[in-house]
C-alpha atoms as a PDB file:
ATOM      1  CA  MET A   1       0.000   0.000   0.000  1.00  0.00           C
ATOM      2  CA  TYR A   2       2.839   2.358   0.877  1.00  0.00           C
ATOM      3  CA  GLN A   3       4.458   1.724  -2.518  1.00  0.00           C
ATOM      4  CA  ALA A   4       1.153   2.399  -4.276  1.00  0.00           C
ATOM      5  CA  LEU A   5       0.796   5.731  -2.445  1.00  0.00           C
ATOM      6  CA  LYS A   6       4.379   6.618  -3.241  1.00  0.00           C
ATOM      7  CA  ASN A   7       3.743   6.097  -6.965  1.00  0.00           C
ATOM      8  CA  LEU A   8       0.839   8.569  -6.961  1.00  0.00           C
ATOM      9  CA  SER A   9       1.348  12.183  -7.969  1.00  0.00           C
ATOM     10  CA  ALA A  10       1.586  14.871  -5.286  1.00  0.00           C
ATOM     11  CA  THR A  11      -2.001  15.975  -5.964  1.00  0.00           C
ATOM     12  CA  GLN A  12      -3.298  12.400  -5.739  1.00  0.00           C
ATOM     13  CA  GLN A  13      -1.386  11.754  -2.506  1.00  0.00           C
ATOM     14  CA  ILE A  14      -2.891  14.850  -0.878  1.00  0.00           C
ATOM     15  CA  GLY A  15      -6.345  13.850  -2.106  1.00  0.00           C
ATOM     16  CA  VAL A  16      -5.983  10.382  -0.575  1.00  0.00           C
ATOM     17  CA  MET A  17      -4.847  11.910   2.713  1.00  0.00           C
ATOM     18  CA  PHE A  18      -7.958  14.104   2.887  1.00  0.00           C
ATOM     19  CA  ILE A  19     -10.170  11.088   2.093  1.00  0.00           C
ATOM     20  CA  ILE A  20      -8.587   9.193   4.996  1.00  0.00           C
ATOM     21  CA  VAL A  21      -9.022  12.129   7.386  1.00  0.00           C
ATOM     22  CA  PHE A  22     -12.642  12.703   6.385  1.00  0.00           C
ATOM     23  CA  GLY A  23     -13.270   8.960   6.787  1.00  0.00           C
ATOM     24  CA  LEU A  24     -11.918   9.054  10.344  1.00  0.00           C
ATOM     25  CA  LEU A  25     -14.116  12.065  11.133  1.00  0.00           C
ATOM     26  CA  ILE A  26     -17.169  10.224   9.789  1.00  0.00           C
ATOM     27  CA  VAL A  27     -16.364   7.212  11.975  1.00  0.00           C
ATOM     28  CA  ALA A  28     -15.945   9.492  14.999  1.00  0.00           C
ATOM     29  CA  SER A  29     -19.256  11.211  14.240  1.00  0.00           C
ATOM     30  CA  LEU A  30     -21.007   7.847  13.969  1.00  0.00           C
ATOM     31  CA  GLY A  31     -19.515   6.744  17.276  1.00  0.00           C
ATOM     32  CA  LEU A  32     -20.686   9.942  18.930  1.00  0.00           C
ATOM     33  CA  PHE A  33     -24.170   9.416  17.519  1.00  0.00           C
ATOM     34  CA  LEU A  34     -24.311   5.894  18.970  1.00  0.00           C
ATOM     35  CA  LEU A  35     -23.150   7.208  22.348  1.00  0.00           C
ATOM     36  CA  SER A  36     -25.906   9.829  22.286  1.00  0.00           C
ATOM     37  CA  MET A  37     -28.534   7.065  22.106  1.00  0.00           C
ATOM     38  CA  ARG A  38     -27.397   5.619  25.420  1.00  0.00           C
ATOM     39  CA  GLU A  39     -29.540   6.548  28.417  1.00  0.00           C
ATOM     40  CA  HIS A  40     -28.973   6.246  32.167  1.00  0.00           C
ATOM     41  CA  GLU A  41     -31.652   5.777  34.800  1.00  0.00           C
ATOM     42  CA  ASP A  42     -29.716   7.841  37.329  1.00  0.00           C
ATOM     43  CA  PRO A  43     -30.362  11.569  36.582  1.00  0.00           C
ATOM     44  CA  LEU A  44     -26.878  12.570  37.775  1.00  0.00           C
ATOM     45  CA  MET A  45     -25.210   9.991  35.542  1.00  0.00           C
ATOM     46  CA  GLN A  46     -27.387  11.103  32.639  1.00  0.00           C
ATOM     47  CA  GLN A  47     -26.432  14.738  33.212  1.00  0.00           C
ATOM     48  CA  SER A  48     -22.737  13.831  33.326  1.00  0.00           C
ATOM     49  CA  HIS A  49     -23.174  11.753  30.164  1.00  0.00           C
ATOM     50  CA  ASP A  50     -24.905  14.621  28.345  1.00  0.00           C
ATOM     51  CA  THR A  51     -22.198  17.081  29.409  1.00  0.00           C
ATOM     52  CA  ARG A  52     -19.458  14.770  28.148  1.00  0.00           C
ATOM     53  CA  LEU A  53     -21.287  14.310  24.840  1.00  0.00           C
ATOM     54  CA  ALA A  54     -21.667  18.070  24.449  1.00  0.00           C
ATOM     55  CA  ASP A  55     -17.922  18.547  24.982  1.00  0.00           C
ATOM     56  CA  LEU A  56     -17.049  15.809  22.498  1.00  0.00           C
ATOM     57  CA  SER A  57     -19.526  17.206  19.989  1.00  0.00           C
ATOM     58  CA  SER A  58     -17.932  20.653  20.264  1.00  0.00           C
ATOM     59  CA  LEU A  59     -14.455  19.206  19.701  1.00  0.00           C
ATOM     60  CA  LEU A  60     -15.668  17.158  16.734  1.00  0.00           C
ATOM     61  CA  ARG A  61     -17.365  20.161  15.115  1.00  0.00           C
ATOM     62  CA  THR A  62     -14.144  22.126  15.474  1.00  0.00           C
ATOM     63  CA  SER A  63     -12.198  19.305  13.815  1.00  0.00           C
ATOM     64  CA  TRP A  64     -14.706  19.090  10.960  1.00  0.00           C
ATOM     65  CA  MET A  65     -14.574  22.826  10.371  1.00  0.00           C
ATOM     66  CA  MET A  66     -10.788  23.054  10.379  1.00  0.00           C
ATOM     67  CA  ILE A  67     -10.250  20.096   8.049  1.00  0.00           C
ATOM     68  CA  PHE A  68     -13.009  21.307   5.704  1.00  0.00           C
ATOM     69  CA  VAL A  69     -11.508  24.803   5.507  1.00  0.00           C
ATOM     70  CA  PHE A  70      -8.075  23.418   4.647  1.00  0.00           C
ATOM     71  CA  TRP A  71      -9.574  21.041   2.107  1.00  0.00           C
ATOM     72  CA  VAL A  72     -11.251  23.983   0.359  1.00  0.00           C
ATOM     73  CA  ALA A  73      -7.999  25.948   0.599  1.00  0.00           C
ATOM     74  CA  TRP A  74      -6.121  23.088  -1.057  1.00  0.00           C
ATOM     75  CA  LEU A  75      -8.666  22.855  -3.882  1.00  0.00           C
ATOM     76  CA  ALA A  76      -8.519  26.604  -4.475  1.00  0.00           C
ATOM     77  CA  GLY A  77      -5.751  28.400  -6.320  1.00  0.00           C
ATOM     78  CA  ASP A  78      -3.150  30.481  -4.539  1.00  0.00           C
ATOM     79  CA  ALA A  79      -5.102  33.746  -4.881  1.00  0.00           C
ATOM     80  CA  THR A  80      -8.416  32.210  -3.780  1.00  0.00           C
ATOM     81  CA  ARG A  81      -6.655  30.509  -0.881  1.00  0.00           C
ATOM     82  CA  LEU A  82      -5.239  33.806   0.361  1.00  0.00           C
ATOM     83  CA  VAL A  83      -8.637  35.503   0.076  1.00  0.00           C
ATOM     84  CA  LEU A  84     -10.222  32.662   2.061  1.00  0.00           C
ATOM     85  CA  PHE A  85      -7.750  32.997   4.920  1.00  0.00           C
ATOM     86  CA  ALA A  86      -7.913  36.793   4.783  1.00  0.00           C
ATOM     87  CA  LEU A  87     -11.679  36.570   5.267  1.00  0.00           C
ATOM     88  CA  GLY A  88     -11.067  34.258   8.209  1.00  0.00           C
ATOM     89  CA  SER A  89      -8.756  36.850   9.738  1.00  0.00           C
ATOM     90  CA  PHE A  90     -11.323  39.582   9.088  1.00  0.00           C
ATOM     91  CA  PHE A  91     -14.145  37.766  10.885  1.00  0.00           C
ATOM     92  CA  ALA A  92     -11.903  36.618  13.731  1.00  0.00           C
ATOM     93  CA  LEU A  93     -10.652  40.185  14.331  1.00  0.00           C
ATOM     94  CA  ARG A  94     -14.189  41.534  14.152  1.00  0.00           C
ATOM     95  CA  GLU A  95     -15.277  38.945  16.705  1.00  0.00           C
ATOM     96  CA  PHE A  96     -12.367  39.868  18.974  1.00  0.00           C
ATOM     97  CA  LEU A  97     -13.035  43.616  18.802  1.00  0.00           C
ATOM     98  CA  THR A  98     -16.832  43.355  18.979  1.00  0.00           C
ATOM     99  CA  LEU A  99     -16.473  41.966  22.488  1.00  0.00           C
ATOM    100  CA  SER A 100     -13.910  44.614  23.440  1.00  0.00           C
ATOM    101  CA  PRO A 101     -15.430  48.093  23.835  1.00  0.00           C
ATOM    102  CA  THR A 102     -13.958  50.843  21.629  1.00  0.00           C
ATOM    103  CA  ARG A 103     -14.158  54.636  21.600  1.00  0.00           C
ATOM    104  CA  GLN A 104     -14.624  57.246  18.901  1.00  0.00           C
ATOM    105  CA  GLY A 105     -10.883  57.852  18.919  1.00  0.00           C
ATOM    106  CA  ASP A 106     -10.242  54.238  17.869  1.00  0.00           C
ATOM    107  CA  HIS A 107     -11.988  54.515  14.509  1.00  0.00           C
ATOM    108  CA  ARG A 108      -8.892  55.549  12.561  1.00  0.00           C
ATOM    109  CA  SER A 109      -6.890  52.688  13.995  1.00  0.00           C
ATOM    110  CA  LEU A 110      -9.704  50.227  13.300  1.00  0.00           C
ATOM    111  CA  VAL A 111      -9.977  51.324   9.666  1.00  0.00           C
ATOM    112  CA  LEU A 112      -6.209  51.004   9.343  1.00  0.00           C
ATOM    113  CA  ALA A 113      -6.291  47.505  10.845  1.00  0.00           C
ATOM    114  CA  PHE A 114      -9.148  46.101   8.757  1.00  0.00           C
ATOM    115  CA  PHE A 115      -8.530  47.798   5.418  1.00  0.00           C
ATOM    116  CA  GLY A 116      -4.796  48.473   5.516  1.00  0.00           C
ATOM    117  CA  VAL A 117      -2.908  46.029   7.699  1.00  0.00           C
ATOM    118  CA  LEU A 118      -4.986  42.930   6.940  1.00  0.00           C
ATOM    119  CA  PRO A 119      -4.899  43.019   3.117  1.00  0.00           C
ATOM    120  CA  PHE A 120      -1.258  44.141   2.991  1.00  0.00           C
ATOM    121  CA  GLN A 121      -0.171  41.269   5.261  1.00  0.00           C
ATOM    122  CA  TYR A 122      -1.749  38.764   2.882  1.00  0.00           C
ATOM    123  CA  VAL A 123      -0.260  40.527  -0.145  1.00  0.00           C
ATOM    124  CA  LEU A 124       3.136  39.988   1.463  1.00  0.00           C
ATOM    125  CA  VAL A 125       2.291  36.289   1.847  1.00  0.00           C
ATOM    126  CA  GLY A 126       1.198  36.004  -1.790  1.00  0.00           C
ATOM    127  CA  THR A 127       4.351  37.707  -3.084  1.00  0.00           C
ATOM    128  CA  GLU A 128       6.490  35.528  -0.784  1.00  0.00           C
ATOM    129  CA  LEU A 129       8.277  38.511   0.737  1.00  0.00           C
ATOM    130  CA  PHE A 130       8.758  36.533   3.928  1.00  0.00           C
ATOM    131  CA  ASN A 131      11.440  38.758   5.449  1.00  0.00           C
ATOM    132  CA  LEU A 132       9.076  41.755   5.385  1.00  0.00           C
ATOM    133  CA  PHE A 133       6.069  39.564   6.149  1.00  0.00           C
ATOM    134  CA  THR A 134       7.568  38.467   9.469  1.00  0.00           C
ATOM    135  CA  VAL A 135       8.277  41.999  10.747  1.00  0.00           C
ATOM    136  CA  PHE A 136       5.566  44.113   9.113  1.00  0.00           C
ATOM    137  CA  ILE A 137       3.039  43.796  11.940  1.00  0.00           C
ATOM    138  CA  PRO A 138       5.227  43.464  15.071  1.00  0.00           C
ATOM    139  CA  VAL A 139       7.454  46.380  13.982  1.00  0.00           C
ATOM    140  CA  TYR A 140       5.843  48.809  11.550  1.00  0.00           C
ATOM    141  CA  VAL A 141       2.166  48.323  12.429  1.00  0.00           C
ATOM    142  CA  PHE A 142       2.755  48.358  16.180  1.00  0.00           C
ATOM    143  CA  LEU A 143       4.497  51.722  15.786  1.00  0.00           C
ATOM    144  CA  ALA A 144       1.914  53.159  13.375  1.00  0.00           C
ATOM    145  CA  LEU A 145      -1.258  52.279  15.306  1.00  0.00           C
ATOM    146  CA  PRO A 146      -0.505  54.430  18.387  1.00  0.00           C
ATOM    147  CA  VAL A 147       0.295  57.338  16.076  1.00  0.00           C
ATOM    148  CA  ALA A 148      -3.111  57.019  14.421  1.00  0.00           C
ATOM    149  CA  SER A 149      -4.753  56.883  17.858  1.00  0.00           C
ATOM    150  CA  ALA A 150      -2.809  59.889  19.124  1.00  0.00           C
ATOM    151  CA  LEU A 151      -3.885  61.946  16.106  1.00  0.00           C
ATOM    152  CA  ALA A 152      -7.506  61.206  17.104  1.00  0.00           C
ATOM    153  CA  ASN A 153      -6.931  63.407  20.210  1.00  0.00           C
ATOM    154  CA  ASP A 154      -8.408  60.943  22.739  1.00  0.00           C
ATOM    155  CA  PRO A 155      -6.014  60.092  25.610  1.00  0.00           C
ATOM    156  CA  THR A 156      -8.585  58.199  27.719  1.00  0.00           C
ATOM    157  CA  ARG A 157      -7.239  54.680  28.453  1.00  0.00           C
ATOM    158  CA  PHE A 158      -4.851  55.202  25.547  1.00  0.00           C
ATOM    159  CA  LEU A 159      -2.438  52.398  26.413  1.00  0.00           C
ATOM    160  CA  GLU A 160      -5.179  49.846  27.115  1.00  0.00           C
ATOM    161  CA  ARG A 161      -7.045  50.621  23.883  1.00  0.00           C
ATOM    162  CA  ASN A 162      -3.947  50.333  21.719  1.00  0.00           C
ATOM    163  CA  ALA A 163      -2.720  47.190  23.449  1.00  0.00           C
ATOM    164  CA  LYS A 164      -6.125  45.570  22.870  1.00  0.00           C
ATOM    165  CA  LEU A 165      -6.070  46.348  19.140  1.00  0.00           C
ATOM    166  CA  GLN A 166      -2.444  45.274  18.761  1.00  0.00           C
ATOM    167  CA  TRP A 167      -3.178  41.997  20.510  1.00  0.00           C
ATOM    168  CA  GLY A 168      -6.171  41.318  18.244  1.00  0.00           C
ATOM    169  CA  ILE A 169      -4.078  42.035  15.134  1.00  0.00           C
ATOM    170  CA  MET A 170      -1.262  39.822  16.371  1.00  0.00           C
ATOM    171  CA  VAL A 171      -3.524  36.806  16.941  1.00  0.00           C
ATOM    172  CA  CYS A 172      -6.147  37.177  14.218  1.00  0.00           C
ATOM    173  CA  ILE A 173      -4.035  38.544  11.350  1.00  0.00           C
ATOM    174  CA  TYR A 174      -0.389  37.793  12.068  1.00  0.00           C
ATOM    175  CA  GLY A 175      -1.002  34.324  13.477  1.00  0.00           C
ATOM    176  CA  MET A 176      -3.590  33.250  10.910  1.00  0.00           C
ATOM    177  CA  SER A 177      -1.573  34.523   7.922  1.00  0.00           C
ATOM    178  CA  HIS A 178       1.197  32.035   8.689  1.00  0.00           C
ATOM    179  CA  VAL A 179      -1.059  29.112   7.728  1.00  0.00           C
ATOM    180  CA  PRO A 180      -1.250  29.902   3.967  1.00  0.00           C
ATOM    181  CA  ALA A 181       2.387  31.024   4.140  1.00  0.00           C
ATOM    182  CA  LEU A 182       3.330  27.404   4.901  1.00  0.00           C
ATOM    183  CA  MET A 183       1.970  26.398   1.499  1.00  0.00           C
ATOM    184  CA  LEU A 184       4.411  28.738  -0.252  1.00  0.00           C
ATOM    185  CA  LEU A 185       7.642  27.566   1.375  1.00  0.00           C
ATOM    186  CA  ASP A 186       9.977  25.999  -1.172  1.00  0.00           C
ATOM    187  CA  PHE A 187      11.449  22.767   0.239  1.00  0.00           C
ATOM    188  CA  PRO A 188      14.073  20.928  -1.784  1.00  0.00           C
ATOM    189  CA  ARG A 189      12.813  17.598  -3.193  1.00  0.00           C
ATOM    190  CA  TYR A 190       9.364  18.011  -1.637  1.00  0.00           C
ATOM    191  CA  ASP A 191       7.492  18.237  -4.970  1.00  0.00           C
ATOM    192  CA  LYS A 192       5.154  21.068  -3.953  1.00  0.00           C
ATOM    193  CA  LYS A 193       3.271  18.959  -1.383  1.00  0.00           C
ATOM    194  CA  ASN A 194       3.011  21.779   1.154  1.00  0.00           C
ATOM    195  CA  ALA A 195      -0.668  21.041   1.778  1.00  0.00           C
ATOM    196  CA  PHE A 196       0.628  18.016   3.722  1.00  0.00           C
ATOM    197  CA  LEU A 197       2.612  20.405   5.903  1.00  0.00           C
ATOM    198  CA  VAL A 198      -0.525  22.383   6.790  1.00  0.00           C
ATOM    199  CA  LEU A 199      -2.424  19.160   7.430  1.00  0.00           C
ATOM    200  CA  PHE A 200       0.436  18.006   9.667  1.00  0.00           C
ATOM    201  CA  LEU A 201       0.180  21.202  11.723  1.00  0.00           C
ATOM    202  CA  VAL A 202      -3.610  20.988  12.058  1.00  0.00           C
ATOM    203  CA  LEU A 203      -3.618  17.299  12.995  1.00  0.00           C
ATOM    204  CA  VAL A 204      -0.899  17.463  15.657  1.00  0.00           C
ATOM    205  CA  VAL A 205      -2.321  20.598  17.297  1.00  0.00           C
ATOM    206  CA  GLN A 206      -5.900  19.337  17.229  1.00  0.00           C
ATOM    207  CA  THR A 207      -4.822  15.931  18.561  1.00  0.00           C
ATOM    208  CA  CYS A 208      -3.009  17.663  21.410  1.00  0.00           C
ATOM    209  CA  MET A 209      -6.054  19.782  22.277  1.00  0.00           C
ATOM    210  CA  VAL A 210      -8.539  16.890  22.070  1.00  0.00           C
ATOM    211  CA  THR A 211      -6.341  14.581  24.166  1.00  0.00           C
ATOM    212  CA  GLN A 212      -5.764  17.280  26.758  1.00  0.00           C
ATOM    213  CA  HIS A 213      -9.483  17.926  27.030  1.00  0.00           C
ATOM    214  CA  LEU A 214     -10.456  14.243  27.268  1.00  0.00           C
ATOM    215  CA  VAL A 215      -7.813  13.420  29.890  1.00  0.00           C
ATOM    216  CA  ALA A 216      -8.836  16.406  31.994  1.00  0.00           C
ATOM    217  CA  ARG A 217     -12.440  15.222  31.932  1.00  0.00           C
ATOM    218  CA  GLN A 218     -11.605  11.643  32.853  1.00  0.00           C
ATOM    219  CA  ARG A 219      -9.217  12.164  35.762  1.00  0.00           C
ATOM    220  CA  LYS A 220      -9.186  14.867  38.416  1.00  0.00           C
ATOM    221  CA  HIS A 221      -5.865  16.596  39.068  1.00  0.00           C
ATOM    222  CA  ARG A 222      -4.959  19.891  40.638  1.00  0.00           C
ATOM    223  CA  LEU A 223      -5.848  22.751  38.315  1.00  0.00           C
ATOM    224  CA  VAL A 224      -2.963  25.007  37.299  1.00  0.00           C
ATOM    225  CA  ALA A 225      -5.041  28.165  36.873  1.00  0.00           C
ATOM    226  CA  PRO A 226      -8.558  27.451  38.188  1.00  0.00           C
ATOM    227  CA  GLN A 227      -9.818  31.015  37.665  1.00  0.00           C
ATOM    228  CA  ILE A 228      -8.935  30.765  33.973  1.00  0.00           C
ATOM    229  CA  SER A 229      -9.452  27.137  32.990  1.00  0.00           C
ATOM    230  CA  GLN A 230     -11.323  24.266  34.628  1.00  0.00           C
ATOM    231  CA  THR A 231      -9.580  21.683  32.434  1.00  0.00           C
ATOM    232  CA  PHE A 232      -5.918  22.715  32.297  1.00  0.00           C
ATOM    233  CA  THR A 233      -3.723  20.510  34.474  1.00  0.00           C
ATOM    234  CA  TRP A 234      -0.079  19.578  34.021  1.00  0.00           C
ATOM    235  CA  HIS A 235      -1.103  15.936  33.689  1.00  0.00           C
ATOM    236  CA  SER A 236      -3.640  16.565  30.907  1.00  0.00           C
ATOM    237  CA  TRP A 237      -1.266  19.011  29.202  1.00  0.00           C
ATOM    238  CA  SER A 238       1.566  16.447  29.266  1.00  0.00           C
ATOM    239  CA  CYS A 239      -0.719  13.779  27.795  1.00  0.00           C
ATOM    240  CA  GLY A 240      -1.821  16.145  25.045  1.00  0.00           C
ATOM    241  CA  MET A 241       1.770  17.115  24.264  1.00  0.00           C
ATOM    242  CA  ALA A 242       2.826  13.467  24.108  1.00  0.00           C
ATOM    243  CA  ALA A 243      -0.079  12.483  21.838  1.00  0.00           C
ATOM    244  CA  GLY A 244       0.449  15.383  19.433  1.00  0.00           C
ATOM    245  CA  SER A 245       4.230  14.940  19.264  1.00  0.00           C
ATOM    246  CA  LEU A 246       4.016  11.175  18.725  1.00  0.00           C
ATOM    247  CA  LEU A 247       1.467  11.688  15.958  1.00  0.00           C
ATOM    248  CA  GLY A 248       3.879  14.179  14.412  1.00  0.00           C
ATOM    249  CA  ALA A 249       6.625  11.533  14.373  1.00  0.00           C
ATOM    250  CA  LEU A 250       4.220   9.018  12.779  1.00  0.00           C
ATOM    251  CA  LEU A 251       3.291  11.561  10.083  1.00  0.00           C
ATOM    252  CA  ALA A 252       6.917  12.273   9.177  1.00  0.00           C
ATOM    253  CA  GLY A 253       6.423  10.463   5.862  1.00  0.00           C
ATOM    254  CA  ILE A 254       4.099  13.158   4.534  1.00  0.00           C
ATOM    255  CA  THR A 255       6.475  15.985   5.480  1.00  0.00           C
ATOM    256  CA  PRO A 256      10.017  16.991   4.507  1.00  0.00           C
ATOM    257  CA  PHE A 257      11.131  15.975   8.035  1.00  0.00           C
ATOM    258  CA  VAL A 258      12.706  12.806   9.388  1.00  0.00           C
ATOM    259  CA  PRO A 259      10.825  11.300  12.394  1.00  0.00           C
ATOM    260  CA  GLY A 260      13.013  13.042  14.985  1.00  0.00           C
ATOM    261  CA  GLN A 261      12.488  16.418  13.340  1.00  0.00           C
ATOM    262  CA  ALA A 262       8.755  15.753  12.993  1.00  0.00           C
ATOM    263  CA  PHE A 263       8.526  14.871  16.688  1.00  0.00           C
ATOM    264  CA  ALA A 264      10.403  18.037  17.730  1.00  0.00           C
ATOM    265  CA  LEU A 265       8.413  20.345  15.441  1.00  0.00           C
ATOM    266  CA  GLY A 266       5.167  18.678  16.515  1.00  0.00           C
ATOM    267  CA  PHE A 267       6.167  19.275  20.130  1.00  0.00           C
ATOM    268  CA  VAL A 268       6.862  22.959  19.418  1.00  0.00           C
ATOM    269  CA  ALA A 269       3.538  23.407  17.599  1.00  0.00           C
ATOM    270  CA  CYS A 270       1.566  21.634  20.355  1.00  0.00           C
ATOM    271  CA  ALA A 271       3.220  23.713  23.093  1.00  0.00           C
ATOM    272  CA  ALA A 272       2.475  26.981  21.309  1.00  0.00           C
ATOM    273  CA  GLY A 273      -1.093  25.976  20.467  1.00  0.00           C
ATOM    274  CA  SER A 274      -2.091  24.593  23.872  1.00  0.00           C
ATOM    275  CA  LEU A 275      -0.550  27.429  25.880  1.00  0.00           C
ATOM    276  CA  GLY A 276      -1.961  29.972  23.442  1.00  0.00           C
ATOM    277  CA  HIS A 277      -5.409  28.471  23.994  1.00  0.00           C
ATOM    278  CA  LEU A 278      -4.934  29.035  27.734  1.00  0.00           C
ATOM    279  CA  VAL A 279      -3.986  32.669  27.061  1.00  0.00           C
ATOM    280  CA  MET A 280      -7.138  33.184  24.997  1.00  0.00           C
ATOM    281  CA  LYS A 281      -9.182  31.724  27.850  1.00  0.00           C
ATOM    282  CA  ALA A 282      -7.614  34.311  30.157  1.00  0.00           C
ATOM    283  CA  LEU A 283      -8.669  37.057  27.737  1.00  0.00           C
ATOM    284  CA  LYS A 284     -12.232  35.739  27.755  1.00  0.00           C
ATOM    285  CA  ARG A 285     -12.315  35.721  31.536  1.00  0.00           C
ATOM    286  CA  ASP A 286     -11.011  39.292  31.535  1.00  0.00           C
ATOM    287  CA  ARG A 287     -13.832  40.310  29.211  1.00  0.00           C
ATOM    288  CA  GLY A 288     -16.340  38.390  31.343  1.00  0.00           C
ATOM    289  CA  ILE A 289     -17.570  36.213  28.479  1.00  0.00           C
ATOM    290  CA  PRO A 290     -17.827  32.400  28.295  1.00  0.00           C
ATOM    291  CA  ILE A 291     -17.160  32.107  24.549  1.00  0.00           C
ATOM    292  CA  TRP A 292     -15.980  34.551  21.875  1.00  0.00           C
ATOM    293  CA  LYS A 293     -19.336  34.445  20.163  1.00  0.00           C
ATOM    294  CA  GLY A 294     -20.801  36.021  23.266  1.00  0.00           C
ATOM    295  CA  GLU A 295     -23.605  33.507  23.535  1.00  0.00           C
ATOM    296  CA  GLY A 296     -24.074  30.208  25.306  1.00  0.00           C
ATOM    297  CA  LYS A 297     -23.756  29.161  28.917  1.00  0.00           C
ATOM    298  CA  SER A 298     -20.749  26.868  29.073  1.00  0.00           C
ATOM    299  CA  THR A 299     -17.584  28.404  30.466  1.00  0.00           C
ATOM    300  CA  THR A 300     -15.576  26.079  28.245  1.00  0.00           C
ATOM    301  CA  GLY A 301     -17.793  26.154  25.182  1.00  0.00           C
ATOM    302  CA  ALA A 302     -16.585  26.863  21.669  1.00  0.00           C
ATOM    303  CA  GLY A 303     -19.293  28.912  20.021  1.00  0.00           C
ATOM    304  CA  GLY A 304     -17.270  31.586  18.242  1.00  0.00           C
ATOM    305  CA  MET A 305     -14.766  31.404  15.424  1.00  0.00           C
ATOM    306  CA  LEU A 306     -11.868  32.381  17.688  1.00  0.00           C
ATOM    307  CA  ASP A 307     -12.705  29.489  20.012  1.00  0.00           C
ATOM    308  CA  ARG A 308     -12.110  27.138  17.096  1.00  0.00           C
ATOM    309  CA  ILE A 309      -8.892  28.603  15.693  1.00  0.00           C
ATOM    310  CA  ASP A 310      -7.143  30.247  18.663  1.00  0.00           C
ATOM    311  CA  SER A 311      -4.682  27.386  19.230  1.00  0.00           C
ATOM    312  CA  LEU A 312      -3.828  27.334  15.518  1.00  0.00           C
ATOM    313  CA  CYS A 313      -3.238  31.105  15.466  1.00  0.00           C
ATOM    314  CA  PHE A 314      -0.575  30.658  18.158  1.00  0.00           C
ATOM    315  CA  ALA A 315       0.932  27.467  16.732  1.00  0.00           C
ATOM    316  CA  ALA A 316       1.214  28.560  13.074  1.00  0.00           C
ATOM    317  CA  PRO A 317       3.793  31.392  13.430  1.00  0.00           C
ATOM    318  CA  VAL A 318       5.962  29.413  15.862  1.00  0.00           C
ATOM    319  CA  PHE A 319       5.854  26.362  13.580  1.00  0.00           C
ATOM    320  CA  PHE A 320       6.472  28.440  10.429  1.00  0.00           C
ATOM    321  CA  HIS A 321       9.527  30.224  11.786  1.00  0.00           C
ATOM    322  CA  SER A 322      10.919  27.048  13.372  1.00  0.00           C
ATOM    323  CA  VAL A 323      10.711  25.305   9.989  1.00  0.00           C
ATOM    324  CA  ARG A 324      12.260  28.255   8.134  1.00  0.00           C
ATOM    325  CA  TRP A 325      15.093  28.523  10.645  1.00  0.00           C
ATOM    326  CA  HIS A 326      15.825  24.786  10.667  1.00  0.00           C
ATOM    327  CA  PHE A 327      15.850  24.389   6.878  1.00  0.00           C
ATOM    328  CA  GLY A 328      17.328  27.810   6.099  1.00  0.00           C
ATOM    329  CA  LEU A 329      14.463  28.716   3.764  1.00  0.00           C
END
């Protein structure tokens, strides 16, 4: 079977990989459906069962959405792919800022962020100007935004307002833009199979997050930051890191890495994604909201777009720059 896959073209290999992943998601969805039909006579056990199913359903929906988006991105051309991810950044930033109050003096900075910074960042990705792409936002934009705010003549909570906007841009635009950038890296003897690299990143990070969540629900350990997360423990985090990193080593064959490199880069991506997810939870608690969408009752729910992509937005730039540094691209 391995030899048959090896003889396929790059496009056919990527297509087969997506078929396998979608097949696994269908099996998982069927298993979840069968679990939902189970009933308990004890009301407390039934409530616990329903809560666990709701958590698993949320994780599965997130996995479906992420894989579907990257499948569409792979099918699309380079320009369409960039527009798709740019729209994702637009809606994620809007979601972030909608739940963070702004003032009249922020309007210039907001216009600059949405209609200046965002499109230009993706233009830099499309033209493969990676040296400028990596410093445009953290250097030039972070210096320009306070100037635009100062010219609005509104000093009230000036530092807090600018820090909030800069943070949203860093996560929603800078972090997200590194995902399509992975598809444009030119690896020697990799035959333009960069979609595998994006799939590798998504699978290891999502595996880490799902494992961490499931372990935390099954076994009770001392919470690391109970006022921020009711599921983050060092034990669950270690299990998630191990699962994601080991999967990375197993997927080395679809990447330009050897197994040791795949394990190390998977570990780096999982660490950035899982800890970034914890940071985004802290931001939600600061805003007093349970989910970025602003609706729902669960304090660990995933109703908004940012809830579904926050770990990826942290993992993508760390993974991208680690790969570029290691291979000298």
